[in-house]
């Protein structure tokens, strides 16, 4: 919300579990 993303917009975003590459 601080970045200007309203909750209505946010509800439509897909959520996925990912894994990055590289060291921690």
PDBML (XML) file of the C-alpha atoms, coordinates in Angstrom:
<?xml version="1.0" encoding="UTF-8" ?>
<PDBx:datablock datablockName="MODEL"
   xmlns:PDBx="http://pdbml.pdb.org/schema/pdbx-v50.xsd"
   xmlns:xsi="http://www.w3.org/2001/XMLSchema-instance"
   xsi:schemaLocation="http://pdbml.pdb.org/schema/pdbx-v50.xsd pdbx-v50.xsd">
   <PDBx:atom_siteCategory>
      <PDBx:atom_site id="1">
         <PDBx:B_iso_or_equiv>0.00</PDBx:B_iso_or_equiv>
         <PDBx:Cartn_x>0.000</PDBx:Cartn_x>
         <PDBx:Cartn_y>0.000</PDBx:Cartn_y>
         <PDBx:Cartn_z>0.000</PDBx:Cartn_z>
         <PDBx:auth_asym_id>A</PDBx:auth_asym_id>
         <PDBx:auth_atom_id>CA</PDBx:auth_atom_id>
         <PDBx:auth_comp_id>UNK</PDBx:auth_comp_id>
         <PDBx:auth_seq_id>1</PDBx:auth_seq_id>
         <PDBx:group_PDB>ATOM</PDBx:group_PDB>
         <PDBx:label_alt_id xsi:nil="true" />
         <PDBx:label_asym_id>A</PDBx:label_asym_id>
         <PDBx:label_atom_id>CA</PDBx:label_atom_id>
         <PDBx:label_comp_id>UNK</PDBx:label_comp_id>
         <PDBx:label_entity_id>1</PDBx:label_entity_id>
         <PDBx:label_seq_id>1</PDBx:label_seq_id>
         <PDBx:occupancy>1.00</PDBx:occupancy>
         <PDBx:pdbx_PDB_model_num>1</PDBx:pdbx_PDB_model_num>
         <PDBx:type_symbol>C</PDBx:type_symbol>
      </PDBx:atom_site>
      <PDBx:atom_site id="2">
         <PDBx:B_iso_or_equiv>0.00</PDBx:B_iso_or_equiv>
         <PDBx:Cartn_x>2.925</PDBx:Cartn_x>
         <PDBx:Cartn_y>2.306</PDBx:Cartn_y>
         <PDBx:Cartn_z>0.708</PDBx:Cartn_z>
         <PDBx:auth_asym_id>A</PDBx:auth_asym_id>
         <PDBx:auth_atom_id>CA</PDBx:auth_atom_id>
         <PDBx:auth_comp_id>UNK</PDBx:auth_comp_id>
         <PDBx:auth_seq_id>2</PDBx:auth_seq_id>
         <PDBx:group_PDB>ATOM</PDBx:group_PDB>
         <PDBx:label_alt_id xsi:nil="true" />
         <PDBx:label_asym_id>A</PDBx:label_asym_id>
         <PDBx:label_atom_id>CA</PDBx:label_atom_id>
         <PDBx:label_comp_id>UNK</PDBx:label_comp_id>
         <PDBx:label_entity_id>1</PDBx:label_entity_id>
         <PDBx:label_seq_id>2</PDBx:label_seq_id>
         <PDBx:occupancy>1.00</PDBx:occupancy>
         <PDBx:pdbx_PDB_model_num>1</PDBx:pdbx_PDB_model_num>
         <PDBx:type_symbol>C</PDBx:type_symbol>
      </PDBx:atom_site>
      <PDBx:atom_site id="3">
         <PDBx:B_iso_or_equiv>0.00</PDBx:B_iso_or_equiv>
         <PDBx:Cartn_x>4.013</PDBx:Cartn_x>
         <PDBx:Cartn_y>1.744</PDBx:Cartn_y>
         <PDBx:Cartn_z>-2.887</PDBx:Cartn_z>
         <PDBx:auth_asym_id>A</PDBx:auth_asym_id>
         <PDBx:auth_atom_id>CA</PDBx:auth_atom_id>
         <PDBx:auth_comp_id>UNK</PDBx:auth_comp_id>
         <PDBx:auth_seq_id>3</PDBx:auth_seq_id>
         <PDBx:group_PDB>ATOM</PDBx:group_PDB>
         <PDBx:label_alt_id xsi:nil="true" />
         <PDBx:label_asym_id>A</PDBx:label_asym_id>
         <PDBx:label_atom_id>CA</PDBx:label_atom_id>
         <PDBx:label_comp_id>UNK</PDBx:label_comp_id>
         <PDBx:label_entity_id>1</PDBx:label_entity_id>
         <PDBx:label_seq_id>3</PDBx:label_seq_id>
         <PDBx:occupancy>1.00</PDBx:occupancy>
         <PDBx:pdbx_PDB_model_num>1</PDBx:pdbx_PDB_model_num>
         <PDBx:type_symbol>C</PDBx:type_symbol>
      </PDBx:atom_site>
      <PDBx:atom_site id="4">
         <PDBx:B_iso_or_equiv>0.00</PDBx:B_iso_or_equiv>
         <PDBx:Cartn_x>0.609</PDBx:Cartn_x>
         <PDBx:Cartn_y>2.709</PDBx:Cartn_y>
         <PDBx:Cartn_z>-4.241</PDBx:Cartn_z>
         <PDBx:auth_asym_id>A</PDBx:auth_asym_id>
         <PDBx:auth_atom_id>CA</PDBx:auth_atom_id>
         <PDBx:auth_comp_id>UNK</PDBx:auth_comp_id>
         <PDBx:auth_seq_id>4</PDBx:auth_seq_id>
         <PDBx:group_PDB>ATOM</PDBx:group_PDB>
         <PDBx:label_alt_id xsi:nil="true" />
         <PDBx:label_asym_id>A</PDBx:label_asym_id>
         <PDBx:label_atom_id>CA</PDBx:label_atom_id>
         <PDBx:label_comp_id>UNK</PDBx:label_comp_id>
         <PDBx:label_entity_id>1</PDBx:label_entity_id>
         <PDBx:label_seq_id>4</PDBx:label_seq_id>
         <PDBx:occupancy>1.00</PDBx:occupancy>
         <PDBx:pdbx_PDB_model_num>1</PDBx:pdbx_PDB_model_num>
         <PDBx:type_symbol>C</PDBx:type_symbol>
      </PDBx:atom_site>
      <PDBx:atom_site id="5">
         <PDBx:B_iso_or_equiv>0.00</PDBx:B_iso_or_equiv>
         <PDBx:Cartn_x>-0.848</PDBx:Cartn_x>
         <PDBx:Cartn_y>-0.768</PDBx:Cartn_y>
         <PDBx:Cartn_z>-4.770</PDBx:Cartn_z>
         <PDBx:auth_asym_id>A</PDBx:auth_asym_id>
         <PDBx:auth_atom_id>CA</PDBx:auth_atom_id>
         <PDBx:auth_comp_id>UNK</PDBx:auth_comp_id>
         <PDBx:auth_seq_id>5</PDBx:auth_seq_id>
         <PDBx:group_PDB>ATOM</PDBx:group_PDB>
         <PDBx:label_alt_id xsi:nil="true" />
         <PDBx:label_asym_id>A</PDBx:label_asym_id>
         <PDBx:label_atom_id>CA</PDBx:label_atom_id>
         <PDBx:label_comp_id>UNK</PDBx:label_comp_id>
         <PDBx:label_entity_id>1</PDBx:label_entity_id>
         <PDBx:label_seq_id>5</PDBx:label_seq_id>
         <PDBx:occupancy>1.00</PDBx:occupancy>
         <PDBx:pdbx_PDB_model_num>1</PDBx:pdbx_PDB_model_num>
         <PDBx:type_symbol>C</PDBx:type_symbol>
      </PDBx:atom_site>
      <PDBx:atom_site id="6">
         <PDBx:B_iso_or_equiv>0.00</PDBx:B_iso_or_equiv>
         <PDBx:Cartn_x>-4.473</PDBx:Cartn_x>
         <PDBx:Cartn_y>-0.739</PDBx:Cartn_y>
         <PDBx:Cartn_z>-3.657</PDBx:Cartn_z>
         <PDBx:auth_asym_id>A</PDBx:auth_asym_id>
         <PDBx:auth_atom_id>CA</PDBx:auth_atom_id>
         <PDBx:auth_comp_id>UNK</PDBx:auth_comp_id>
         <PDBx:auth_seq_id>6</PDBx:auth_seq_id>
         <PDBx:group_PDB>ATOM</PDBx:group_PDB>
         <PDBx:label_alt_id xsi:nil="true" />
         <PDBx:label_asym_id>A</PDBx:label_asym_id>
         <PDBx:label_atom_id>CA</PDBx:label_atom_id>
         <PDBx:label_comp_id>UNK</PDBx:label_comp_id>
         <PDBx:label_entity_id>1</PDBx:label_entity_id>
         <PDBx:label_seq_id>6</PDBx:label_seq_id>
         <PDBx:occupancy>1.00</PDBx:occupancy>
         <PDBx:pdbx_PDB_model_num>1</PDBx:pdbx_PDB_model_num>
         <PDBx:type_symbol>C</PDBx:type_symbol>
      </PDBx:atom_site>
      <PDBx:atom_site id="7">
         <PDBx:B_iso_or_equiv>0.00</PDBx:B_iso_or_equiv>
         <PDBx:Cartn_x>-6.054</PDBx:Cartn_x>
         <PDBx:Cartn_y>-3.781</PDBx:Cartn_y>
         <PDBx:Cartn_z>-2.036</PDBx:Cartn_z>
         <PDBx:auth_asym_id>A</PDBx:auth_asym_id>
         <PDBx:auth_atom_id>CA</PDBx:auth_atom_id>
         <PDBx:auth_comp_id>UNK</PDBx:auth_comp_id>
         <PDBx:auth_seq_id>7</PDBx:auth_seq_id>
         <PDBx:group_PDB>ATOM</PDBx:group_PDB>
         <PDBx:label_alt_id xsi:nil="true" />
         <PDBx:label_asym_id>A</PDBx:label_asym_id>
         <PDBx:label_atom_id>CA</PDBx:label_atom_id>
         <PDBx:label_comp_id>UNK</PDBx:label_comp_id>
         <PDBx:label_entity_id>1</PDBx:label_entity_id>
         <PDBx:label_seq_id>7</PDBx:label_seq_id>
         <PDBx:occupancy>1.00</PDBx:occupancy>
         <PDBx:pdbx_PDB_model_num>1</PDBx:pdbx_PDB_model_num>
         <PDBx:type_symbol>C</PDBx:type_symbol>
      </PDBx:atom_site>
      <PDBx:atom_site id="8">
         <PDBx:B_iso_or_equiv>0.00</PDBx:B_iso_or_equiv>
         <PDBx:Cartn_x>-8.445</PDBx:Cartn_x>
         <PDBx:Cartn_y>-4.307</PDBx:Cartn_y>
         <PDBx:Cartn_z>-4.976</PDBx:Cartn_z>
         <PDBx:auth_asym_id>A</PDBx:auth_asym_id>
         <PDBx:auth_atom_id>CA</PDBx:auth_atom_id>
         <PDBx:auth_comp_id>UNK</PDBx:auth_comp_id>
         <PDBx:auth_seq_id>8</PDBx:auth_seq_id>
         <PDBx:group_PDB>ATOM</PDBx:group_PDB>
         <PDBx:label_alt_id xsi:nil="true" />
         <PDBx:label_asym_id>A</PDBx:label_asym_id>
         <PDBx:label_atom_id>CA</PDBx:label_atom_id>
         <PDBx:label_comp_id>UNK</PDBx:label_comp_id>
         <PDBx:label_entity_id>1</PDBx:label_entity_id>
         <PDBx:label_seq_id>8</PDBx:label_seq_id>
         <PDBx:occupancy>1.00</PDBx:occupancy>
         <PDBx:pdbx_PDB_model_num>1</PDBx:pdbx_PDB_model_num>
         <PDBx:type_symbol>C</PDBx:type_symbol>
      </PDBx:atom_site>
      <PDBx:atom_site id="9">
         <PDBx:B_iso_or_equiv>0.00</PDBx:B_iso_or_equiv>
         <PDBx:Cartn_x>-5.459</PDBx:Cartn_x>
         <PDBx:Cartn_y>-4.523</PDBx:Cartn_y>
         <PDBx:Cartn_z>-7.353</PDBx:Cartn_z>
         <PDBx:auth_asym_id>A</PDBx:auth_asym_id>
         <PDBx:auth_atom_id>CA</PDBx:auth_atom_id>
         <PDBx:auth_comp_id>UNK</PDBx:auth_comp_id>
         <PDBx:auth_seq_id>9</PDBx:auth_seq_id>
         <PDBx:group_PDB>ATOM</PDBx:group_PDB>
         <PDBx:label_alt_id xsi:nil="true" />
         <PDBx:label_asym_id>A</PDBx:label_asym_id>
         <PDBx:label_atom_id>CA</PDBx:label_atom_id>
         <PDBx:label_comp_id>UNK</PDBx:label_comp_id>
         <PDBx:label_entity_id>1</PDBx:label_entity_id>
         <PDBx:label_seq_id>9</PDBx:label_seq_id>
         <PDBx:occupancy>1.00</PDBx:occupancy>
         <PDBx:pdbx_PDB_model_num>1</PDBx:pdbx_PDB_model_num>
         <PDBx:type_symbol>C</PDBx:type_symbol>
      </PDBx:atom_site>
      <PDBx:atom_site id="10">
         <PDBx:B_iso_or_equiv>0.00</PDBx:B_iso_or_equiv>
         <PDBx:Cartn_x>-3.540</PDBx:Cartn_x>
         <PDBx:Cartn_y>-6.751</PDBx:Cartn_y>
         <PDBx:Cartn_z>-4.966</PDBx:Cartn_z>
         <PDBx:auth_asym_id>A</PDBx:auth_asym_id>
         <PDBx:auth_atom_id>CA</PDBx:auth_atom_id>
         <PDBx:auth_comp_id>UNK</PDBx:auth_comp_id>
         <PDBx:auth_seq_id>10</PDBx:auth_seq_id>
         <PDBx:group_PDB>ATOM</PDBx:group_PDB>
         <PDBx:label_alt_id xsi:nil="true" />
         <PDBx:label_asym_id>A</PDBx:label_asym_id>
         <PDBx:label_atom_id>CA</PDBx:label_atom_id>
         <PDBx:label_comp_id>UNK</PDBx:label_comp_id>
         <PDBx:label_entity_id>1</PDBx:label_entity_id>
         <PDBx:label_seq_id>10</PDBx:label_seq_id>
         <PDBx:occupancy>1.00</PDBx:occupancy>
         <PDBx:pdbx_PDB_model_num>1</PDBx:pdbx_PDB_model_num>
         <PDBx:type_symbol>C</PDBx:type_symbol>
      </PDBx:atom_site>
      <PDBx:atom_site id="11">
         <PDBx:B_iso_or_equiv>0.00</PDBx:B_iso_or_equiv>
         <PDBx:Cartn_x>-6.313</PDBx:Cartn_x>
         <PDBx:Cartn_y>-9.326</PDBx:Cartn_y>
         <PDBx:Cartn_z>-4.600</PDBx:Cartn_z>
         <PDBx:auth_asym_id>A</PDBx:auth_asym_id>
         <PDBx:auth_atom_id>CA</PDBx:auth_atom_id>
         <PDBx:auth_comp_id>UNK</PDBx:auth_comp_id>
         <PDBx:auth_seq_id>11</PDBx:auth_seq_id>
         <PDBx:group_PDB>ATOM</PDBx:group_PDB>
         <PDBx:label_alt_id xsi:nil="true" />
         <PDBx:label_asym_id>A</PDBx:label_asym_id>
         <PDBx:label_atom_id>CA</PDBx:label_atom_id>
         <PDBx:label_comp_id>UNK</PDBx:label_comp_id>
         <PDBx:label_entity_id>1</PDBx:label_entity_id>
         <PDBx:label_seq_id>11</PDBx:label_seq_id>
         <PDBx:occupancy>1.00</PDBx:occupancy>
         <PDBx:pdbx_PDB_model_num>1</PDBx:pdbx_PDB_model_num>
         <PDBx:type_symbol>C</PDBx:type_symbol>
      </PDBx:atom_site>
      <PDBx:atom_site id="12">
         <PDBx:B_iso_or_equiv>0.00</PDBx:B_iso_or_equiv>
         <PDBx:Cartn_x>-6.029</PDBx:Cartn_x>
         <PDBx:Cartn_y>-10.110</PDBx:Cartn_y>
         <PDBx:Cartn_z>-8.322</PDBx:Cartn_z>
         <PDBx:auth_asym_id>A</PDBx:auth_asym_id>
         <PDBx:auth_atom_id>CA</PDBx:auth_atom_id>
         <PDBx:auth_comp_id>UNK</PDBx:auth_comp_id>
         <PDBx:auth_seq_id>12</PDBx:auth_seq_id>
         <PDBx:group_PDB>ATOM</PDBx:group_PDB>
         <PDBx:label_alt_id xsi:nil="true" />
         <PDBx:label_asym_id>A</PDBx:label_asym_id>
         <PDBx:label_atom_id>CA</PDBx:label_atom_id>
         <PDBx:label_comp_id>UNK</PDBx:label_comp_id>
         <PDBx:label_entity_id>1</PDBx:label_entity_id>
         <PDBx:label_seq_id>12</PDBx:label_seq_id>
         <PDBx:occupancy>1.00</PDBx:occupancy>
         <PDBx:pdbx_PDB_model_num>1</PDBx:pdbx_PDB_model_num>
         <PDBx:type_symbol>C</PDBx:type_symbol>
      </PDBx:atom_site>
      <PDBx:atom_site id="13">
         <PDBx:B_iso_or_equiv>0.00</PDBx:B_iso_or_equiv>
         <PDBx:Cartn_x>-2.290</PDBx:Cartn_x>
         <PDBx:Cartn_y>-10.893</PDBx:Cartn_y>
         <PDBx:Cartn_z>-8.270</PDBx:Cartn_z>
         <PDBx:auth_asym_id>A</PDBx:auth_asym_id>
         <PDBx:auth_atom_id>CA</PDBx:auth_atom_id>
         <PDBx:auth_comp_id>UNK</PDBx:auth_comp_id>
         <PDBx:auth_seq_id>13</PDBx:auth_seq_id>
         <PDBx:group_PDB>ATOM</PDBx:group_PDB>
         <PDBx:label_alt_id xsi:nil="true" />
         <PDBx:label_asym_id>A</PDBx:label_asym_id>
         <PDBx:label_atom_id>CA</PDBx:label_atom_id>
         <PDBx:label_comp_id>UNK</PDBx:label_comp_id>
         <PDBx:label_entity_id>1</PDBx:label_entity_id>
         <PDBx:label_seq_id>13</PDBx:label_seq_id>
         <PDBx:occupancy>1.00</PDBx:occupancy>
         <PDBx:pdbx_PDB_model_num>1</PDBx:pdbx_PDB_model_num>
         <PDBx:type_symbol>C</PDBx:type_symbol>
      </PDBx:atom_site>
      <PDBx:atom_site id="14">
         <PDBx:B_iso_or_equiv>0.00</PDBx:B_iso_or_equiv>
         <PDBx:Cartn_x>-1.385</PDBx:Cartn_x>
         <PDBx:Cartn_y>-14.586</PDBx:Cartn_y>
         <PDBx:Cartn_z>-8.582</PDBx:Cartn_z>
         <PDBx:auth_asym_id>A</PDBx:auth_asym_id>
         <PDBx:auth_atom_id>CA</PDBx:auth_atom_id>
         <PDBx:auth_comp_id>UNK</PDBx:auth_comp_id>
         <PDBx:auth_seq_id>14</PDBx:auth_seq_id>
         <PDBx:group_PDB>ATOM</PDBx:group_PDB>
         <PDBx:label_alt_id xsi:nil="true" />
         <PDBx:label_asym_id>A</PDBx:label_asym_id>
         <PDBx:label_atom_id>CA</PDBx:label_atom_id>
         <PDBx:label_comp_id>UNK</PDBx:label_comp_id>
         <PDBx:label_entity_id>1</PDBx:label_entity_id>
         <PDBx:label_seq_id>14</PDBx:label_seq_id>
         <PDBx:occupancy>1.00</PDBx:occupancy>
         <PDBx:pdbx_PDB_model_num>1</PDBx:pdbx_PDB_model_num>
         <PDBx:type_symbol>C</PDBx:type_symbol>
      </PDBx:atom_site>
      <PDBx:atom_site id="15">
         <PDBx:B_iso_or_equiv>0.00</PDBx:B_iso_or_equiv>
         <PDBx:Cartn_x>0.761</PDBx:Cartn_x>
         <PDBx:Cartn_y>-16.010</PDBx:Cartn_y>
         <PDBx:Cartn_z>-5.767</PDBx:Cartn_z>
         <PDBx:auth_asym_id>A</PDBx:auth_asym_id>
         <PDBx:auth_atom_id>CA</PDBx:auth_atom_id>
         <PDBx:auth_comp_id>UNK</PDBx:auth_comp_id>
         <PDBx:auth_seq_id>15</PDBx:auth_seq_id>
         <PDBx:group_PDB>ATOM</PDBx:group_PDB>
         <PDBx:label_alt_id xsi:nil="true" />
         <PDBx:label_asym_id>A</PDBx:label_asym_id>
         <PDBx:label_atom_id>CA</PDBx:label_atom_id>
         <PDBx:label_comp_id>UNK</PDBx:label_comp_id>
         <PDBx:label_entity_id>1</PDBx:label_entity_id>
         <PDBx:label_seq_id>15</PDBx:label_seq_id>
         <PDBx:occupancy>1.00</PDBx:occupancy>
         <PDBx:pdbx_PDB_model_num>1</PDBx:pdbx_PDB_model_num>
         <PDBx:type_symbol>C</PDBx:type_symbol>
      </PDBx:atom_site>
      <PDBx:atom_site id="16">
         <PDBx:B_iso_or_equiv>0.00</PDBx:B_iso_or_equiv>
         <PDBx:Cartn_x>3.491</PDBx:Cartn_x>
         <PDBx:Cartn_y>-18.605</PDBx:Cartn_y>
         <PDBx:Cartn_z>-6.450</PDBx:Cartn_z>
         <PDBx:auth_asym_id>A</PDBx:auth_asym_id>
         <PDBx:auth_atom_id>CA</PDBx:auth_atom_id>
         <PDBx:auth_comp_id>UNK</PDBx:auth_comp_id>
         <PDBx:auth_seq_id>16</PDBx:auth_seq_id>
         <PDBx:group_PDB>ATOM</PDBx:group_PDB>
         <PDBx:label_alt_id xsi:nil="true" />
         <PDBx:label_asym_id>A</PDBx:label_asym_id>
         <PDBx:label_atom_id>CA</PDBx:label_atom_id>
         <PDBx:label_comp_id>UNK</PDBx:label_comp_id>
         <PDBx:label_entity_id>1</PDBx:label_entity_id>
         <PDBx:label_seq_id>16</PDBx:label_seq_id>
         <PDBx:occupancy>1.00</PDBx:occupancy>
         <PDBx:pdbx_PDB_model_num>1</PDBx:pdbx_PDB_model_num>
         <PDBx:type_symbol>C</PDBx:type_symbol>
      </PDBx:atom_site>
      <PDBx:atom_site id="17">
         <PDBx:B_iso_or_equiv>0.00</PDBx:B_iso_or_equiv>
         <PDBx:Cartn_x>6.175</PDBx:Cartn_x>
         <PDBx:Cartn_y>-20.356</PDBx:Cartn_y>
         <PDBx:Cartn_z>-4.417</PDBx:Cartn_z>
         <PDBx:auth_asym_id>A</PDBx:auth_asym_id>
         <PDBx:auth_atom_id>CA</PDBx:auth_atom_id>
         <PDBx:auth_comp_id>UNK</PDBx:auth_comp_id>
         <PDBx:auth_seq_id>17</PDBx:auth_seq_id>
         <PDBx:group_PDB>ATOM</PDBx:group_PDB>
         <PDBx:label_alt_id xsi:nil="true" />
         <PDBx:label_asym_id>A</PDBx:label_asym_id>
         <PDBx:label_atom_id>CA</PDBx:label_atom_id>
         <PDBx:label_comp_id>UNK</PDBx:label_comp_id>
         <PDBx:label_entity_id>1</PDBx:label_entity_id>
         <PDBx:label_seq_id>17</PDBx:label_seq_id>
         <PDBx:occupancy>1.00</PDBx:occupancy>
         <PDBx:pdbx_PDB_model_num>1</PDBx:pdbx_PDB_model_num>
         <PDBx:type_symbol>C</PDBx:type_symbol>
      </PDBx:atom_site>
      <PDBx:atom_site id="18">
         <PDBx:B_iso_or_equiv>0.00</PDBx:B_iso_or_equiv>
         <PDBx:Cartn_x>9.624</PDBx:Cartn_x>
         <PDBx:Cartn_y>-19.978</PDBx:Cartn_y>
         <PDBx:Cartn_z>-6.018</PDBx:Cartn_z>
         <PDBx:auth_asym_id>A</PDBx:auth_asym_id>
         <PDBx:auth_atom_id>CA</PDBx:auth_atom_id>
         <PDBx:auth_comp_id>UNK</PDBx:auth_comp_id>
         <PDBx:auth_seq_id>18</PDBx:auth_seq_id>
         <PDBx:group_PDB>ATOM</PDBx:group_PDB>
         <PDBx:label_alt_id xsi:nil="true" />
         <PDBx:label_asym_id>A</PDBx:label_asym_id>
         <PDBx:label_atom_id>CA</PDBx:label_atom_id>
         <PDBx:label_comp_id>UNK</PDBx:label_comp_id>
         <PDBx:label_entity_id>1</PDBx:label_entity_id>
         <PDBx:label_seq_id>18</PDBx:label_seq_id>
         <PDBx:occupancy>1.00</PDBx:occupancy>
         <PDBx:pdbx_PDB_model_num>1</PDBx:pdbx_PDB_model_num>
         <PDBx:type_symbol>C</PDBx:type_symbol>
      </PDBx:atom_site>
      <PDBx:atom_site id="19">
         <PDBx:B_iso_or_equiv>0.00</PDBx:B_iso_or_equiv>
         <PDBx:Cartn_x>13.277</PDBx:Cartn_x>
         <PDBx:Cartn_y>-20.699</PDBx:Cartn_y>
         <PDBx:Cartn_z>-5.289</PDBx:Cartn_z>
         <PDBx:auth_asym_id>A</PDBx:auth_asym_id>
         <PDBx:auth_atom_id>CA</PDBx:auth_atom_id>
         <PDBx:auth_comp_id>UNK</PDBx:auth_comp_id>
         <PDBx:auth_seq_id>19</PDBx:auth_seq_id>
         <PDBx:group_PDB>ATOM</PDBx:group_PDB>
         <PDBx:label_alt_id xsi:nil="true" />
         <PDBx:label_asym_id>A</PDBx:label_asym_id>
         <PDBx:label_atom_id>CA</PDBx:label_atom_id>
         <PDBx:label_comp_id>UNK</PDBx:label_comp_id>
         <PDBx:label_entity_id>1</PDBx:label_entity_id>
         <PDBx:label_seq_id>19</PDBx:label_seq_id>
         <PDBx:occupancy>1.00</PDBx:occupancy>
         <PDBx:pdbx_PDB_model_num>1</PDBx:pdbx_PDB_model_num>
         <PDBx:type_symbol>C</PDBx:type_symbol>
      </PDBx:atom_site>
      <PDBx:atom_site id="20">
         <PDBx:B_iso_or_equiv>0.00</PDBx:B_iso_or_equiv>
         <PDBx:Cartn_x>16.115</PDBx:Cartn_x>
         <PDBx:Cartn_y>-18.340</PDBx:Cartn_y>
         <PDBx:Cartn_z>-6.115</PDBx:Cartn_z>
         <PDBx:auth_asym_id>A</PDBx:auth_asym_id>
         <PDBx:auth_atom_id>CA</PDBx:auth_atom_id>
         <PDBx:auth_comp_id>UNK</PDBx:auth_comp_id>
         <PDBx:auth_seq_id>20</PDBx:auth_seq_id>
         <PDBx:group_PDB>ATOM</PDBx:group_PDB>
         <PDBx:label_alt_id xsi:nil="true" />
         <PDBx:label_asym_id>A</PDBx:label_asym_id>
         <PDBx:label_atom_id>CA</PDBx:label_atom_id>
         <PDBx:label_comp_id>UNK</PDBx:label_comp_id>
         <PDBx:label_entity_id>1</PDBx:label_entity_id>
         <PDBx:label_seq_id>20</PDBx:label_seq_id>
         <PDBx:occupancy>1.00</PDBx:occupancy>
         <PDBx:pdbx_PDB_model_num>1</PDBx:pdbx_PDB_model_num>
         <PDBx:type_symbol>C</PDBx:type_symbol>
      </PDBx:atom_site>
      <PDBx:atom_site id="21">
         <PDBx:B_iso_or_equiv>0.00</PDBx:B_iso_or_equiv>
         <PDBx:Cartn_x>19.543</PDBx:Cartn_x>
         <PDBx:Cartn_y>-19.392</PDBx:Cartn_y>
         <PDBx:Cartn_z>-7.310</PDBx:Cartn_z>
         <PDBx:auth_asym_id>A</PDBx:auth_asym_id>
         <PDBx:auth_atom_id>CA</PDBx:auth_atom_id>
         <PDBx:auth_comp_id>UNK</PDBx:auth_comp_id>
         <PDBx:auth_seq_id>21</PDBx:auth_seq_id>
         <PDBx:group_PDB>ATOM</PDBx:group_PDB>
         <PDBx:label_alt_id xsi:nil="true" />
         <PDBx:label_asym_id>A</PDBx:label_asym_id>
         <PDBx:label_atom_id>CA</PDBx:label_atom_id>
         <PDBx:label_comp_id>UNK</PDBx:label_comp_id>
         <PDBx:label_entity_id>1</PDBx:label_entity_id>
         <PDBx:label_seq_id>21</PDBx:label_seq_id>
         <PDBx:occupancy>1.00</PDBx:occupancy>
         <PDBx:pdbx_PDB_model_num>1</PDBx:pdbx_PDB_model_num>
         <PDBx:type_symbol>C</PDBx:type_symbol>
      </PDBx:atom_site>
      <PDBx:atom_site id="22">
         <PDBx:B_iso_or_equiv>0.00</PDBx:B_iso_or_equiv>
         <PDBx:Cartn_x>22.778</PDBx:Cartn_x>
         <PDBx:Cartn_y>-18.591</PDBx:Cartn_y>
         <PDBx:Cartn_z>-5.521</PDBx:Cartn_z>
         <PDBx:auth_asym_id>A</PDBx:auth_asym_id>
         <PDBx:auth_atom_id>CA</PDBx:auth_atom_id>
         <PDBx:auth_comp_id>UNK</PDBx:auth_comp_id>
         <PDBx:auth_seq_id>22</PDBx:auth_seq_id>
         <PDBx:group_PDB>ATOM</PDBx:group_PDB>
         <PDBx:label_alt_id xsi:nil="true" />
         <PDBx:label_asym_id>A</PDBx:label_asym_id>
         <PDBx:label_atom_id>CA</PDBx:label_atom_id>
         <PDBx:label_comp_id>UNK</PDBx:label_comp_id>
         <PDBx:label_entity_id>1</PDBx:label_entity_id>
         <PDBx:label_seq_id>22</PDBx:label_seq_id>
         <PDBx:occupancy>1.00</PDBx:occupancy>
         <PDBx:pdbx_PDB_model_num>1</PDBx:pdbx_PDB_model_num>
         <PDBx:type_symbol>C</PDBx:type_symbol>
      </PDBx:atom_site>
      <PDBx:atom_site id="23">
         <PDBx:B_iso_or_equiv>0.00</PDBx:B_iso_or_equiv>
         <PDBx:Cartn_x>24.013</PDBx:Cartn_x>
         <PDBx:Cartn_y>-18.251</PDBx:Cartn_y>
         <PDBx:Cartn_z>-1.955</PDBx:Cartn_z>
         <PDBx:auth_asym_id>A</PDBx:auth_asym_id>
         <PDBx:auth_atom_id>CA</PDBx:auth_atom_id>
         <PDBx:auth_comp_id>UNK</PDBx:auth_comp_id>
         <PDBx:auth_seq_id>23</PDBx:auth_seq_id>
         <PDBx:group_PDB>ATOM</PDBx:group_PDB>
         <PDBx:label_alt_id xsi:nil="true" />
         <PDBx:label_asym_id>A</PDBx:label_asym_id>
         <PDBx:label_atom_id>CA</PDBx:label_atom_id>
         <PDBx:label_comp_id>UNK</PDBx:label_comp_id>
         <PDBx:label_entity_id>1</PDBx:label_entity_id>
         <PDBx:label_seq_id>23</PDBx:label_seq_id>
         <PDBx:occupancy>1.00</PDBx:occupancy>
         <PDBx:pdbx_PDB_model_num>1</PDBx:pdbx_PDB_model_num>
         <PDBx:type_symbol>C</PDBx:type_symbol>
      </PDBx:atom_site>
      <PDBx:atom_site id="24">
         <PDBx:B_iso_or_equiv>0.00</PDBx:B_iso_or_equiv>
         <PDBx:Cartn_x>21.670</PDBx:Cartn_x>
         <PDBx:Cartn_y>-17.332</PDBx:Cartn_y>
         <PDBx:Cartn_z>0.902</PDBx:Cartn_z>
         <PDBx:auth_asym_id>A</PDBx:auth_asym_id>
         <PDBx:auth_atom_id>CA</PDBx:auth_atom_id>
         <PDBx:auth_comp_id>UNK</PDBx:auth_comp_id>
         <PDBx:auth_seq_id>24</PDBx:auth_seq_id>
         <PDBx:group_PDB>ATOM</PDBx:group_PDB>
         <PDBx:label_alt_id xsi:nil="true" />
         <PDBx:label_asym_id>A</PDBx:label_asym_id>
         <PDBx:label_atom_id>CA</PDBx:label_atom_id>
         <PDBx:label_comp_id>UNK</PDBx:label_comp_id>
         <PDBx:label_entity_id>1</PDBx:label_entity_id>
         <PDBx:label_seq_id>24</PDBx:label_seq_id>
         <PDBx:occupancy>1.00</PDBx:occupancy>
         <PDBx:pdbx_PDB_model_num>1</PDBx:pdbx_PDB_model_num>
         <PDBx:type_symbol>C</PDBx:type_symbol>
      </PDBx:atom_site>
   </PDBx:atom_siteCategory>
</PDBx:datablock>
